[in-house]
PDB file of N, CA and C in Angstrom:
ATOM      1  N   UNK A   1       0.834  -1.183   0.000  1.00  0.00           N
ATOM      2  CA  UNK A   1       0.000   0.000   0.000  1.00  0.00           C
ATOM      3  C   UNK A   1       0.875   1.241   0.000  1.00  0.00           C
ATOM      4  N   UNK A   2       0.521   2.225  -0.806  1.00  0.00           N
ATOM      5  CA  UNK A   2       1.261   3.473  -0.892  1.00  0.00           C
ATOM      6  C   UNK A   2       0.961   4.364   0.298  1.00  0.00           C
ATOM      7  N   UNK A   3       2.007   5.011   0.809  1.00  0.00           N
ATOM      8  CA  UNK A   3       1.801   6.005   1.854  1.00  0.00           C
ATOM      9  C   UNK A   3       1.237   7.268   1.208  1.00  0.00           C
ATOM     10  N   UNK A   4       0.252   7.850   1.841  1.00  0.00           N
ATOM     11  CA  UNK A   4      -0.348   9.071   1.316  1.00  0.00           C
ATOM     12  C   UNK A   4       0.244  10.267   2.049  1.00  0.00           C
ATOM     13  N   UNK A   5       0.403  11.352   1.325  1.00  0.00           N
ATOM     14  CA  UNK A   5       1.050  12.534   1.878  1.00  0.00           C
ATOM     15  C   UNK A   5       0.147  13.754   1.688  1.00  0.00           C
ATOM     16  N   UNK A   6       0.029  14.597   2.706  1.00  0.00           N
ATOM     17  CA  UNK A   6      -0.798  15.799   2.578  1.00  0.00           C
ATOM     18  C   UNK A   6      -0.235  16.787   1.556  1.00  0.00           C
ATOM     19  N   UNK A   7      -1.116  17.613   1.010  1.00  0.00           N
ATOM     20  CA  UNK A   7      -0.714  18.636   0.041  1.00  0.00           C
ATOM     21  C   UNK A   7       0.352  19.563   0.599  1.00  0.00           C
ATOM     22  N   UNK A   8       0.273  19.868   1.891  1.00  0.00           N
ATOM     23  CA  UNK A   8       1.252  20.775   2.499  1.00  0.00           C
ATOM     24  C   UNK A   8       2.664  20.204   2.387  1.00  0.00           C
ATOM     25  N   UNK A   9       2.816  18.899   2.558  1.00  0.00           N
ATOM     26  CA  UNK A   9       4.128  18.257   2.419  1.00  0.00           C
ATOM     27  C   UNK A   9       4.605  18.340   0.971  1.00  0.00           C
ATOM     28  N   UNK A  10       3.703  18.100   0.043  1.00  0.00           N
ATOM     29  CA  UNK A  10       4.072  18.147  -1.372  1.00  0.00           C
ATOM     30  C   UNK A  10       4.463  19.555  -1.800  1.00  0.00           C
ATOM     31  N   UNK A  11       3.748  20.544  -1.293  1.00  0.00           N
ATOM     32  CA  UNK A  11       4.088  21.935  -1.620  1.00  0.00           C
ATOM     33  C   UNK A  11       5.462  22.284  -1.078  1.00  0.00           C
ATOM     34  N   UNK A  12       5.752  21.858   0.140  1.00  0.00           N
ATOM     35  CA  UNK A  12       7.073  22.113   0.725  1.00  0.00           C
ATOM     36  C   UNK A  12       8.162  21.404  -0.070  1.00  0.00           C
ATOM     37  N   UNK A  13       7.918  20.164  -0.434  1.00  0.00           N
ATOM     38  CA  UNK A  13       8.902  19.393  -1.203  1.00  0.00           C
ATOM     39  C   UNK A  13       9.173  20.067  -2.543  1.00  0.00           C
ATOM     40  N   UNK A  14       8.119  20.466  -3.224  1.00  0.00           N
ATOM     41  CA  UNK A  14       8.280  21.104  -4.531  1.00  0.00           C
ATOM     42  C   UNK A  14       9.028  22.429  -4.404  1.00  0.00           C
ATOM     43  N   UNK A  15       8.719  23.187  -3.373  1.00  0.00           N
ATOM     44  CA  UNK A  15       9.361  24.477  -3.157  1.00  0.00           C
ATOM     45  C   UNK A  15      10.847  24.314  -2.836  1.00  0.00           C
ATOM     46  N   UNK A  16      11.160  23.388  -1.951  1.00  0.00           N
ATOM     47  CA  UNK A  16      12.564  23.158  -1.583  1.00  0.00           C
ATOM     48  C   UNK A  16      13.361  22.622  -2.766  1.00  0.00           C
ATOM     49  N   UNK A  17      12.762  21.712  -3.539  1.00  0.00           N
ATOM     50  CA  UNK A  17      13.452  21.193  -4.716  1.00  0.00           C
ATOM     51  C   UNK A  17      13.658  22.294  -5.746  1.00  0.00           C
ATOM     52  N   UNK A  18      12.636  23.115  -5.973  1.00  0.00           N
ATOM     53  CA  UNK A  18      12.754  24.193  -6.954  1.00  0.00           C
ATOM     54  C   UNK A  18      13.858  25.166  -6.557  1.00  0.00           C
ATOM     55  N   UNK A  19      13.958  25.464  -5.275  1.00  0.00           N
ATOM     56  CA  UNK A  19      15.015  26.366  -4.806  1.00  0.00           C
ATOM     57  C   UNK A  19      16.387  25.758  -5.048  1.00  0.00           C
ATOM     58  N   UNK A  20      16.533  24.475  -4.765  1.00  0.00           N
ATOM     59  CA  UNK A  20      17.816  23.807  -4.976  1.00  0.00           C
ATOM     60  C   UNK A  20      18.140  23.684  -6.460  1.00  0.00           C
ATOM     61  N   UNK A  21      17.141  23.415  -7.259  1.00  0.00           N
ATOM     62  CA  UNK A  21      17.342  23.279  -8.701  1.00  0.00           C
ATOM     63  C   UNK A  21      17.747  24.623  -9.323  1.00  0.00           C
ATOM     64  N   UNK A  22      17.110  25.696  -8.879  1.00  0.00           N
ATOM     65  CA  UNK A  22      17.397  27.026  -9.416  1.00  0.00           C
ATOM     66  C   UNK A  22      18.716  27.589  -8.907  1.00  0.00           C
ATOM     67  N   UNK A  23      19.072  27.227  -7.678  1.00  0.00           N
ATOM     68  CA  UNK A  23      20.272  27.774  -7.048  1.00  0.00           C
ATOM     69  C   UNK A  23      20.914  26.674  -6.195  1.00  0.00           C
ATOM     70  N   UNK A  24      21.722  25.803  -6.817  1.00  0.00           N
ATOM     71  CA  UNK A  24      22.283  24.643  -6.112  1.00  0.00           C
ATOM     72  C   UNK A  24      23.407  25.023  -5.136  1.00  0.00           C
ATOM     73  N   UNK A  25      23.011  25.659  -4.034  1.00  0.00           N
ATOM     74  CA  UNK A  25      23.975  26.062  -3.018  1.00  0.00           C
ATOM     75  C   UNK A  25      23.947  25.089  -1.847  1.00  0.00           C
ATOM     76  N   UNK A  26      24.971  25.168  -1.023  1.00  0.00           N
ATOM     77  CA  UNK A  26      25.019  24.340   0.177  1.00  0.00           C
ATOM     78  C   UNK A  26      23.856  24.681   1.110  1.00  0.00           C
ATOM     79  N   UNK A  27      23.507  25.947   1.219  1.00  0.00           N
ATOM     80  CA  UNK A  27      22.378  26.351   2.069  1.00  0.00           C
ATOM     81  C   UNK A  27      21.070  25.701   1.623  1.00  0.00           C
ATOM     82  N   UNK A  28      20.806  25.728   0.322  1.00  0.00           N
ATOM     83  CA  UNK A  28      19.578  25.107  -0.188  1.00  0.00           C
ATOM     84  C   UNK A  28      19.599  23.592  -0.001  1.00  0.00           C
ATOM     85  N   UNK A  29      20.751  22.979  -0.193  1.00  0.00           N
ATOM     86  CA  UNK A  29      20.868  21.534   0.016  1.00  0.00           C
ATOM     87  C   UNK A  29      20.651  21.180   1.486  1.00  0.00           C
ATOM     88  N   UNK A  30      21.198  21.993   2.380  1.00  0.00           N
ATOM     89  CA  UNK A  30      21.023  21.734   3.814  1.00  0.00           C
ATOM     90  C   UNK A  30      19.575  21.922   4.242  1.00  0.00           C
ATOM     91  N   UNK A  31      18.887  22.936   3.685  1.00  0.00           N
ATOM     92  CA  UNK A  31      17.464  23.127   4.005  1.00  0.00           C
ATOM     93  C   UNK A  31      16.658  21.896   3.612  1.00  0.00           C
ATOM     94  N   UNK A  32      16.918  21.389   2.404  1.00  0.00           N
ATOM     95  CA  UNK A  32      16.204  20.200   1.941  1.00  0.00           C
ATOM     96  C   UNK A  32      16.540  18.997   2.811  1.00  0.00           C
ATOM     97  N   UNK A  33      17.807  18.808   3.133  1.00  0.00           N
ATOM     98  CA  UNK A  33      18.215  17.667   3.961  1.00  0.00           C
ATOM     99  C   UNK A  33      17.588  17.730   5.353  1.00  0.00           C
ATOM    100  N   UNK A  34      17.560  18.909   5.953  1.00  0.00           N
ATOM    101  CA  UNK A  34      16.951  19.051   7.276  1.00  0.00           C
ATOM    102  C   UNK A  34      15.458  18.784   7.210  1.00  0.00           C
ATOM    103  N   UNK A  35      14.812  19.281   6.175  1.00  0.00           N
ATOM    104  CA  UNK A  35      13.384  19.057   6.026  1.00  0.00           C
ATOM    105  C   UNK A  35      13.094  17.564   5.846  1.00  0.00           C
ATOM    106  N   UNK A  36      13.910  16.889   5.044  1.00  0.00           N
ATOM    107  CA  UNK A  36      13.710  15.453   4.827  1.00  0.00           C
ATOM    108  C   UNK A  36      13.797  14.672   6.133  1.00  0.00           C
ATOM    109  N   UNK A  37      14.683  15.079   7.021  1.00  0.00           N
ATOM    110  CA  UNK A  37      14.857  14.366   8.279  1.00  0.00           C
ATOM    111  C   UNK A  37      13.818  14.688   9.339  1.00  0.00           C
ATOM    112  N   UNK A  38      13.002  15.686   9.102  1.00  0.00           N
ATOM    113  CA  UNK A  38      12.046  16.132  10.118  1.00  0.00           C
ATOM    114  C   UNK A  38      10.793  15.263  10.224  1.00  0.00           C
ATOM    115  N   UNK A  39      10.462  14.528   9.179  1.00  0.00           N
ATOM    116  CA  UNK A  39       9.217  13.746   9.179  1.00  0.00           C
ATOM    117  C   UNK A  39       9.355  12.636   8.145  1.00  0.00           C
ATOM    118  N   UNK A  40       8.910  11.453   8.498  1.00  0.00           N
ATOM    119  CA  UNK A  40       9.026  10.309   7.587  1.00  0.00           C
ATOM    120  C   UNK A  40       8.268  10.518   6.276  1.00  0.00           C
ATOM    121  N   UNK A  41       7.207  11.329   6.301  1.00  0.00           N
ATOM    122  CA  UNK A  41       6.427  11.567   5.086  1.00  0.00           C
ATOM    123  C   UNK A  41       7.147  12.452   4.086  1.00  0.00           C
ATOM    124  N   UNK A  42       8.165  13.162   4.535  1.00  0.00           N
ATOM    125  CA  UNK A  42       8.850  14.103   3.656  1.00  0.00           C
ATOM    126  C   UNK A  42       9.581  13.416   2.505  1.00  0.00           C
ATOM    127  N   UNK A  43      10.164  12.264   2.747  1.00  0.00           N
ATOM    128  CA  UNK A  43      10.851  11.540   1.661  1.00  0.00           C
ATOM    129  C   UNK A  43       9.851  11.135   0.580  1.00  0.00           C
ATOM    130  N   UNK A  44       8.682  10.674   0.987  1.00  0.00           N
ATOM    131  CA  UNK A  44       7.645  10.296   0.024  1.00  0.00           C
ATOM    132  C   UNK A  44       7.137  11.530  -0.719  1.00  0.00           C
ATOM    133  N   UNK A  45       6.995  12.639   0.003  1.00  0.00           N
ATOM    134  CA  UNK A  45       6.546  13.880  -0.635  1.00  0.00           C
ATOM    135  C   UNK A  45       7.539  14.332  -1.694  1.00  0.00           C
ATOM    136  N   UNK A  46       8.831  14.246  -1.387  1.00  0.00           N
ATOM    137  CA  UNK A  46       9.843  14.630  -2.367  1.00  0.00           C
ATOM    138  C   UNK A  46       9.808  13.690  -3.567  1.00  0.00           C
ATOM    139  N   UNK A  47       9.625  12.411  -3.321  1.00  0.00           N
ATOM    140  CA  UNK A  47       9.528  11.439  -4.411  1.00  0.00           C
ATOM    141  C   UNK A  47       8.370  11.791  -5.344  1.00  0.00           C
ATOM    142  N   UNK A  48       7.225  12.104  -4.776  1.00  0.00           N
ATOM    143  CA  UNK A  48       6.058  12.465  -5.590  1.00  0.00           C
ATOM    144  C   UNK A  48       6.308  13.769  -6.343  1.00  0.00           C
ATOM    145  N   UNK A  49       6.849  14.767  -5.646  1.00  0.00           N
ATOM    146  CA  UNK A  49       7.116  16.062  -6.284  1.00  0.00           C
ATOM    147  C   UNK A  49       8.100  15.907  -7.444  1.00  0.00           C
ATOM    148  N   UNK A  50       9.139  15.108  -7.258  1.00  0.00           N
ATOM    149  CA  UNK A  50      10.121  14.897  -8.327  1.00  0.00           C
ATOM    150  C   UNK A  50       9.519  14.118  -9.492  1.00  0.00           C
ATOM    151  N   UNK A  51       8.657  13.164  -9.191  1.00  0.00           N
ATOM    152  CA  UNK A  51       7.992  12.408 -10.254  1.00  0.00           C
ATOM    153  C   UNK A  51       7.105  13.334 -11.076  1.00  0.00           C
ATOM    154  N   UNK A  52       6.309  14.159 -10.384  1.00  0.00           N
ATOM    155  CA  UNK A  52       5.450  15.105 -11.096  1.00  0.00           C
ATOM    156  C   UNK A  52       6.281  16.087 -11.919  1.00  0.00           C
ATOM    157  N   UNK A  53       7.357  16.596 -11.332  1.00  0.00           N
ATOM    158  CA  UNK A  53       8.235  17.541 -12.034  1.00  0.00           C
ATOM    159  C   UNK A  53       8.798  16.889 -13.301  1.00  0.00           C
ATOM    160  N   UNK A  54       9.285  15.652 -13.174  1.00  0.00           N
ATOM    161  CA  UNK A  54       9.843  14.952 -14.324  1.00  0.00           C
ATOM    162  C   UNK A  54       8.822  14.703 -15.418  1.00  0.00           C
ATOM    163  N   UNK A  55       7.617  14.331 -15.032  1.00  0.00           N
ATOM    164  CA  UNK A  55       6.569  14.086 -16.020  1.00  0.00           C
ATOM    165  C   UNK A  55       6.173  15.376 -16.731  1.00  0.00           C
ATOM    166  N   UNK A  56       6.052  16.450 -15.992  1.00  0.00           N
ATOM    167  CA  UNK A  56       5.701  17.730 -16.605  1.00  0.00           C
ATOM    168  C   UNK A  56       6.811  18.175 -17.546  1.00  0.00           C
ATOM    169  N   UNK A  57       8.062  18.083 -17.099  1.00  0.00           N
ATOM    170  CA  UNK A  57       9.197  18.518 -17.923  1.00  0.00           C
ATOM    171  C   UNK A  57       9.339  17.682 -19.194  1.00  0.00           C
ATOM    172  N   UNK A  58       8.934  16.423 -19.130  1.00  0.00           N
ATOM    173  CA  UNK A  58       9.060  15.552 -20.301  1.00  0.00           C
ATOM    174  C   UNK A  58       7.908  15.721 -21.288  1.00  0.00           C
ATOM    175  N   UNK A  59       6.866  16.433 -20.865  1.00  0.00           N
ATOM    176  CA  UNK A  59       5.697  16.585 -21.714  1.00  0.00           C
ATOM    177  C   UNK A  59       4.773  15.384 -21.660  1.00  0.00           C
ATOM    178  N   UNK A  60       4.999  14.478 -20.746  1.00  0.00           N
ATOM    179  CA  UNK A  60       4.181  13.274 -20.605  1.00  0.00           C
ATOM    180  C   UNK A  60       2.754  13.652 -20.212  1.00  0.00           C
ATOM    181  N   UNK A  61       1.769  13.046 -20.861  1.00  0.00           N
ATOM    182  CA  UNK A  61       0.371  13.342 -20.503  1.00  0.00           C
ATOM    183  C   UNK A  61      -0.022  12.607 -19.219  1.00  0.00           C
ATOM    184  N   UNK A  62       0.491  13.074 -18.105  1.00  0.00           N
ATOM    185  CA  UNK A  62       0.304  12.384 -16.824  1.00  0.00           C
ATOM    186  C   UNK A  62      -1.025  12.692 -16.159  1.00  0.00           C
ATOM    187  N   UNK A  63      -1.815  13.550 -16.734  1.00  0.00           N
ATOM    188  CA  UNK A  63      -3.061  13.933 -16.095  1.00  0.00           C
ATOM    189  C   UNK A  63      -2.874  15.219 -15.325  1.00  0.00           C
ATOM    190  N   UNK A  64      -3.765  15.471 -14.437  1.00  0.00           N
ATOM    191  CA  UNK A  64      -3.737  16.707 -13.656  1.00  0.00           C
ATOM    192  C   UNK A  64      -2.618  16.659 -12.635  1.00  0.00           C
ATOM    193  N   UNK A  65      -1.942  17.798 -12.419  1.00  0.00           N
ATOM    194  CA  UNK A  65      -0.975  17.850 -11.319  1.00  0.00           C
ATOM    195  C   UNK A  65      -1.688  17.498 -10.022  1.00  0.00           C
ATOM    196  N   UNK A  66      -1.049  16.707  -9.225  1.00  0.00           N
ATOM    197  CA  UNK A  66      -1.655  16.291  -7.970  1.00  0.00           C
ATOM    198  C   UNK A  66      -2.286  14.915  -8.026  1.00  0.00           C
ATOM    199  N   UNK A  67      -2.296  14.268  -9.183  1.00  0.00           N
ATOM    200  CA  UNK A  67      -2.893  12.934  -9.285  1.00  0.00           C
ATOM    201  C   UNK A  67      -2.204  11.921  -8.373  1.00  0.00           C
ATOM    202  N   UNK A  68      -0.924  12.129  -8.084  1.00  0.00           N
ATOM    203  CA  UNK A  68      -0.185  11.200  -7.248  1.00  0.00           C
ATOM    204  C   UNK A  68      -0.278  11.542  -5.774  1.00  0.00           C
ATOM    205  N   UNK A  69      -1.004  12.582  -5.448  1.00  0.00           N
ATOM    206  CA  UNK A  69      -1.046  13.087  -4.085  1.00  0.00           C
ATOM    207  C   UNK A  69      -2.119  12.410  -3.243  1.00  0.00           C
ATOM    208  N   UNK A  70      -1.891  12.440  -1.958  1.00  0.00           N
ATOM    209  CA  UNK A  70      -2.842  11.875  -1.014  1.00  0.00           C
ATOM    210  C   UNK A  70      -3.815  12.925  -0.500  1.00  0.00           C
ATOM    211  N   UNK A  71      -4.347  12.712   0.695  1.00  0.00           N
ATOM    212  CA  UNK A  71      -5.349  13.630   1.250  1.00  0.00           C
ATOM    213  C   UNK A  71      -4.749  14.965   1.637  1.00  0.00           C
ATOM    214  N   UNK A  72      -5.587  15.978   1.646  1.00  0.00           N
ATOM    215  CA  UNK A  72      -5.145  17.291   2.115  1.00  0.00           C
ATOM    216  C   UNK A  72      -4.959  17.248   3.615  1.00  0.00           C
ATOM    217  N   UNK A  73      -4.118  18.112   4.096  1.00  0.00           N
ATOM    218  CA  UNK A  73      -3.912  18.188   5.532  1.00  0.00           C
ATOM    219  C   UNK A  73      -2.580  18.812   5.848  1.00  0.00           C
ATOM    220  N   UNK A  74      -2.267  18.851   7.126  1.00  0.00           N
ATOM    221  CA  UNK A  74      -1.011  19.483   7.510  1.00  0.00           C
ATOM    222  C   UNK A  74       0.142  18.513   7.287  1.00  0.00           C
ATOM    223  N   UNK A  75       1.300  19.086   7.093  1.00  0.00           N
ATOM    224  CA  UNK A  75       2.476  18.298   6.790  1.00  0.00           C
ATOM    225  C   UNK A  75       3.121  17.760   8.051  1.00  0.00           C
ATOM    226  N   UNK A  76       3.197  18.540   9.077  1.00  0.00           N
ATOM    227  CA  UNK A  76       3.864  18.137  10.303  1.00  0.00           C
ATOM    228  C   UNK A  76       5.362  18.127  10.141  1.00  0.00           C
ATOM    229  N   UNK A  77       6.055  18.317  11.198  1.00  0.00           N
ATOM    230  CA  UNK A  77       7.509  18.249  11.169  1.00  0.00           C
ATOM    231  C   UNK A  77       8.172  19.326  10.359  1.00  0.00           C
ATOM    232  N   UNK A  78       7.496  20.384  10.016  1.00  0.00           N
ATOM    233  CA  UNK A  78       8.142  21.488   9.315  1.00  0.00           C
ATOM    234  C   UNK A  78       7.526  21.768   8.032  1.00  0.00           C
TER     235      UNK A  78
END
């Protein structure tokens, strides 16, 4: 069974990844690493965000953004 992740976690994952992708500094990498360690759901959120990013960038007809996401709710742990 897949772990479901709240939208807040996915938004944080996408934002942190976008910052690191746009400006690959040690500070941005450390922010992402600290966030990943704060909650077990964060690794799954980053996985989903990266999958969605890759599908969008490739032009793949993956459906609506958010199709891989779980229920709405708070992210917890940062």
